[in-house]
Amino acid sequence: MGLDGAERLESARVADALRDDIMLGRRQPGSRLIERDIAAELRVSRLPVREAIKALVAEGIVVARPRTWAVVREFSVQDVQDFAEVREAIETLAFVLATQRIDEDGLRLLESIVAREEQTAASGDADAARTASAMFHITAVRLAGNAMLDELAAILVTRLRWLFGQHEELGHMAATHREILTAMRDGDIAAIRALIPAHLAEGRDAAERRLRTGAGDRADDVR
């Protein structure tokens, strides 16, 4: 039997809550997602929780384990490298198309996002700065005006948010987005083709450092 309308809404709400917890580090890689505990915490029945977990498995941030609890996915360095290769191809094209097609409304929208990122990074609000940072990239893809790119980006958006959660140099990231926005405003395609791969490589390197440090910490804990 499928979910009714109310249960679908509850499932979406639970998925949003769990996704945010994972993206913001409140649920750590490898931690168990126990249906009854989540249901009690969010005051819902277990069915919407079960469906929410299935949705997060499909998004690639939760791993289902037969006959036991689902767990938050532990990304490997290879996972990050594989994602980075695909992301560079998609986002470089998206930013080039957005630069060619953007109008004043689009520029104002990106300006508001970058300004929010700068303000929150300066105030030390890491969660808000990372959210704005991810939104800058997501919005640029939408402004590219290509439905196929939108579909591909929708598959990757949750992992994109996870990747930004690994970045600690928030002021530098905001400054780089400001530089990219300036190139877009100037219509400088050559600069975009150079800036985007370099910027994405910094994000990949930050994630790899966090993963390697975490692996070392876990090894220390075992010893």
Protein backbone atom coordinates (compact mmCIF):
# COMPACT_ATOMS: atom_id res chain seq x y z
CA MET A 1 0.00 0.00 0.00
CA GLY A 2 1.37 3.43 -0.96
CA LEU A 3 1.50 6.55 1.15
CA ASP A 4 -1.48 8.86 1.30
CA GLY A 5 -1.10 12.62 0.86
CA ALA A 6 -0.46 13.39 4.51
CA GLU A 7 2.08 10.58 4.82
CA ARG A 8 3.91 11.82 1.71
CA LEU A 9 4.18 15.27 3.29
CA GLU A 10 5.44 13.74 6.53
CA SER A 11 7.95 11.63 4.62
CA ALA A 12 9.26 14.71 2.80
CA ARG A 13 9.54 16.60 6.11
CA VAL A 14 11.46 13.72 7.70
CA ALA A 15 13.75 13.45 4.68
CA ASP A 16 14.47 17.20 4.86
CA ALA A 17 15.28 16.97 8.58
CA LEU A 18 17.56 13.96 8.18
CA ARG A 19 19.25 15.44 5.12
CA ASP A 20 20.00 18.67 6.97
CA ASP A 21 21.32 16.72 9.96
CA ILE A 22 23.69 14.80 7.69
CA MET A 23 24.79 17.84 5.68
CA LEU A 24 25.47 19.88 8.83
CA GLY A 25 27.28 17.09 10.62
CA ARG A 26 24.67 16.44 13.30
CA ARG A 27 24.52 12.82 12.15
CA GLN A 28 28.03 11.54 11.56
CA PRO A 29 29.19 9.16 8.79
CA GLY A 30 28.60 5.58 9.87
CA SER A 31 25.93 6.49 12.43
CA ARG A 32 22.78 4.37 12.47
CA LEU A 33 19.38 5.63 11.42
CA ILE A 34 17.00 3.79 13.74
CA GLU A 35 13.42 4.15 12.56
CA ARG A 36 11.72 4.03 15.96
CA ASP A 37 14.13 6.61 17.45
CA ILE A 38 13.71 9.00 14.52
CA ALA A 39 9.93 8.55 14.60
CA ALA A 40 9.86 9.43 18.30
CA GLU A 41 12.19 12.39 17.82
CA LEU A 42 10.14 13.88 14.96
CA ARG A 43 6.76 12.75 16.32
CA VAL A 44 5.69 10.76 13.30
CA SER A 45 4.89 7.11 12.63
CA ARG A 46 7.60 4.76 11.40
CA LEU A 47 6.22 4.54 7.84
CA PRO A 48 7.19 8.11 6.79
CA VAL A 49 10.60 7.55 8.38
CA ARG A 50 11.07 4.35 6.38
CA GLU A 51 10.15 6.15 3.15
CA ALA A 52 12.42 9.10 3.97
CA ILE A 53 15.36 6.78 4.51
CA LYS A 54 14.67 5.14 1.14
CA ALA A 55 14.76 8.59 -0.49
CA LEU A 56 18.12 9.37 1.12
CA VAL A 57 19.48 6.01 -0.03
CA ALA A 58 18.48 7.01 -3.59
CA GLU A 59 20.28 10.34 -3.13
CA GLY A 60 23.46 8.49 -2.17
CA ILE A 61 23.97 9.80 1.38
CA VAL A 62 22.54 6.82 3.28
CA VAL A 63 23.42 3.16 2.88
CA ALA A 64 20.78 0.46 3.37
CA ARG A 65 22.02 -2.68 5.10
CA PRO A 66 19.80 -5.79 4.84
CA ARG A 67 18.45 -7.10 8.14
CA THR A 68 20.00 -4.23 10.11
CA TRP A 69 19.87 -0.41 10.43
CA ALA A 70 20.53 1.99 7.56
CA VAL A 71 23.61 4.14 8.19
CA VAL A 72 24.87 7.53 7.11
CA ARG A 73 27.20 6.99 4.19
CA GLU A 74 30.95 7.19 4.77
CA PHE A 75 32.38 8.83 1.66
CA SER A 76 35.83 7.72 0.55
CA VAL A 77 38.55 9.75 -1.13
CA GLN A 78 37.78 7.82 -4.32
CA ASP A 79 34.12 8.84 -4.03
CA VAL A 80 35.17 12.49 -3.84
CA GLN A 81 37.50 12.14 -6.83
CA ASP A 82 34.85 10.42 -8.92
CA PHE A 83 32.30 13.10 -8.04
CA ALA A 84 34.82 15.86 -8.80
CA GLU A 85 35.44 14.56 -12.32
CA VAL A 86 31.74 14.55 -13.16
CA ARG A 87 31.09 17.83 -11.40
CA GLU A 88 33.85 19.70 -13.23
CA ALA A 89 32.41 18.75 -16.61
CA ILE A 90 28.85 19.67 -15.66
CA GLU A 91 29.53 22.88 -13.76
CA THR A 92 32.08 24.34 -16.14
CA LEU A 93 29.55 23.97 -18.95
CA ALA A 94 26.76 25.32 -16.73
CA PHE A 95 28.70 28.43 -15.73
CA VAL A 96 29.74 29.09 -19.34
CA LEU A 97 26.13 28.85 -20.52
CA ALA A 98 24.91 30.95 -17.60
CA THR A 99 27.48 33.63 -18.41
CA GLN A 100 26.32 33.69 -22.04
CA ARG A 101 22.60 33.77 -21.18
CA ILE A 102 22.29 35.60 -17.87
CA ASP A 103 20.18 38.76 -17.63
CA GLU A 104 20.08 41.54 -15.05
CA ASP A 105 17.58 39.67 -12.88
CA GLY A 106 19.90 36.67 -12.80
CA LEU A 107 22.88 38.83 -11.91
CA ARG A 108 20.92 40.48 -9.09
CA LEU A 109 19.94 37.06 -7.76
CA LEU A 110 23.53 35.82 -7.74
CA GLU A 111 24.65 39.09 -6.17
CA SER A 112 22.19 38.61 -3.31
CA ILE A 113 23.44 35.07 -2.73
CA VAL A 114 27.11 36.08 -2.73
CA ALA A 115 26.39 39.03 -0.43
CA ARG A 116 24.62 36.70 2.01
CA GLU A 117 27.53 34.27 1.83
CA GLU A 118 30.03 37.06 2.54
CA GLN A 119 28.02 38.38 5.47
CA THR A 120 27.47 34.98 7.10
CA ALA A 121 31.08 33.92 6.56
CA ALA A 122 32.27 37.16 8.19
CA SER A 123 29.93 36.66 11.16
CA GLY A 124 31.06 33.07 11.67
CA ASP A 125 27.71 31.50 10.77
CA ALA A 126 29.22 28.47 9.05
CA ASP A 127 25.95 26.67 8.33
CA ALA A 128 24.40 29.69 6.61
CA ALA A 129 27.60 30.44 4.68
CA ARG A 130 27.83 26.88 3.38
CA THR A 131 24.15 26.91 2.44
CA ALA A 132 24.61 30.14 0.47
CA SER A 133 27.74 28.74 -1.15
CA ALA A 134 25.90 25.68 -2.41
CA MET A 135 23.00 27.88 -3.55
CA PHE A 136 25.38 29.96 -5.69
CA HIS A 137 26.31 26.87 -7.69
CA ILE A 138 22.76 25.50 -7.84
CA THR A 139 21.42 28.86 -9.06
CA ALA A 140 24.11 29.17 -11.74
CA VAL A 141 23.09 25.78 -13.12
CA ARG A 142 19.47 26.92 -13.26
CA LEU A 143 20.48 30.16 -15.00
CA ALA A 144 22.26 28.14 -17.68
CA GLY A 145 18.80 27.54 -19.15
CA ASN A 146 19.42 23.90 -20.08
CA ALA A 147 16.86 21.33 -18.93
CA MET A 148 19.28 18.41 -19.24
CA LEU A 149 21.81 20.15 -16.99
CA ASP A 150 19.01 20.79 -14.48
CA GLU A 151 18.19 17.08 -14.42
CA LEU A 152 21.83 16.05 -13.96
CA ALA A 153 22.36 18.65 -11.22
CA ALA A 154 19.26 17.44 -9.36
CA ILE A 155 20.87 14.02 -9.06
CA LEU A 156 24.04 15.55 -7.59
CA VAL A 157 22.67 18.34 -5.42
CA THR A 158 22.70 16.48 -2.09
CA ARG A 159 26.30 15.37 -2.58
CA LEU A 160 27.13 18.94 -3.58
CA ARG A 161 25.77 20.17 -0.24
CA TRP A 162 27.79 17.48 1.54
CA LEU A 163 30.95 18.62 -0.26
CA PHE A 164 30.45 22.24 0.79
CA GLY A 165 30.03 21.04 4.34
CA GLN A 166 33.65 19.89 4.26
CA HIS A 167 35.02 23.34 3.41
CA GLU A 168 36.28 25.39 6.36
CA GLU A 169 37.78 28.42 4.57
CA LEU A 170 34.44 30.16 4.26
CA GLY A 171 35.76 33.67 3.62
CA HIS A 172 38.00 32.43 0.83
CA MET A 173 35.12 30.52 -0.76
CA ALA A 174 32.93 33.63 -0.69
CA ALA A 175 35.74 35.69 -2.24
CA THR A 176 36.12 33.15 -5.04
CA HIS A 177 32.39 33.28 -5.74
CA ARG A 178 32.65 37.07 -5.88
CA GLU A 179 35.43 36.71 -8.49
CA ILE A 180 33.33 34.25 -10.53
CA LEU A 181 30.32 36.59 -10.38
CA THR A 182 32.47 39.49 -11.62
CA ALA A 183 33.61 37.39 -14.59
CA MET A 184 29.99 36.48 -15.33
CA ARG A 185 28.94 40.12 -15.18
CA ASP A 186 31.78 40.98 -17.59
CA GLY A 187 30.84 38.12 -19.93
CA ASP A 188 34.41 36.80 -19.65
CA ILE A 189 34.07 33.20 -20.84
CA ALA A 190 37.83 32.57 -20.80
CA ALA A 191 38.01 33.58 -17.15
CA ILE A 192 35.05 31.32 -16.30
CA ARG A 193 36.72 28.36 -18.02
CA ALA A 194 39.77 28.91 -15.81
CA LEU A 195 38.05 29.88 -12.57
CA ILE A 196 35.52 27.06 -12.28
CA PRO A 197 37.90 24.06 -12.51
CA ALA A 198 40.34 25.75 -10.11
CA HIS A 199 37.54 26.53 -7.64
CA LEU A 200 36.13 23.01 -7.79
CA ALA A 201 39.62 21.55 -7.27
CA GLU A 202 39.88 23.53 -4.01
CA GLY A 203 36.60 22.01 -2.83
CA ARG A 204 37.78 18.52 -3.75
CA ASP A 205 41.06 19.03 -1.90
CA ALA A 206 39.25 20.30 1.21
CA ALA A 207 36.99 17.24 1.24
CA GLU A 208 39.93 14.88 0.77
CA ARG A 209 41.80 16.50 3.66
CA ARG A 210 38.77 16.15 5.94
CA LEU A 211 38.32 12.51 4.98
CA ARG A 212 41.98 11.65 5.50
CA THR A 213 42.04 13.46 8.84
CA GLY A 214 38.88 11.68 9.92
CA ALA A 215 40.34 8.32 8.93
CA GLY A 216 43.42 9.09 10.99
CA ASP A 217 41.30 10.09 13.99
CA ARG A 218 39.33 6.85 13.78
CA ALA A 219 42.56 4.86 13.60
CA ASP A 220 43.82 6.67 16.70
CA ASP A 221 40.58 5.83 18.48
CA VAL A 222 41.01 2.15 17.69
CA ARG A 223 44.59 2.15 18.97
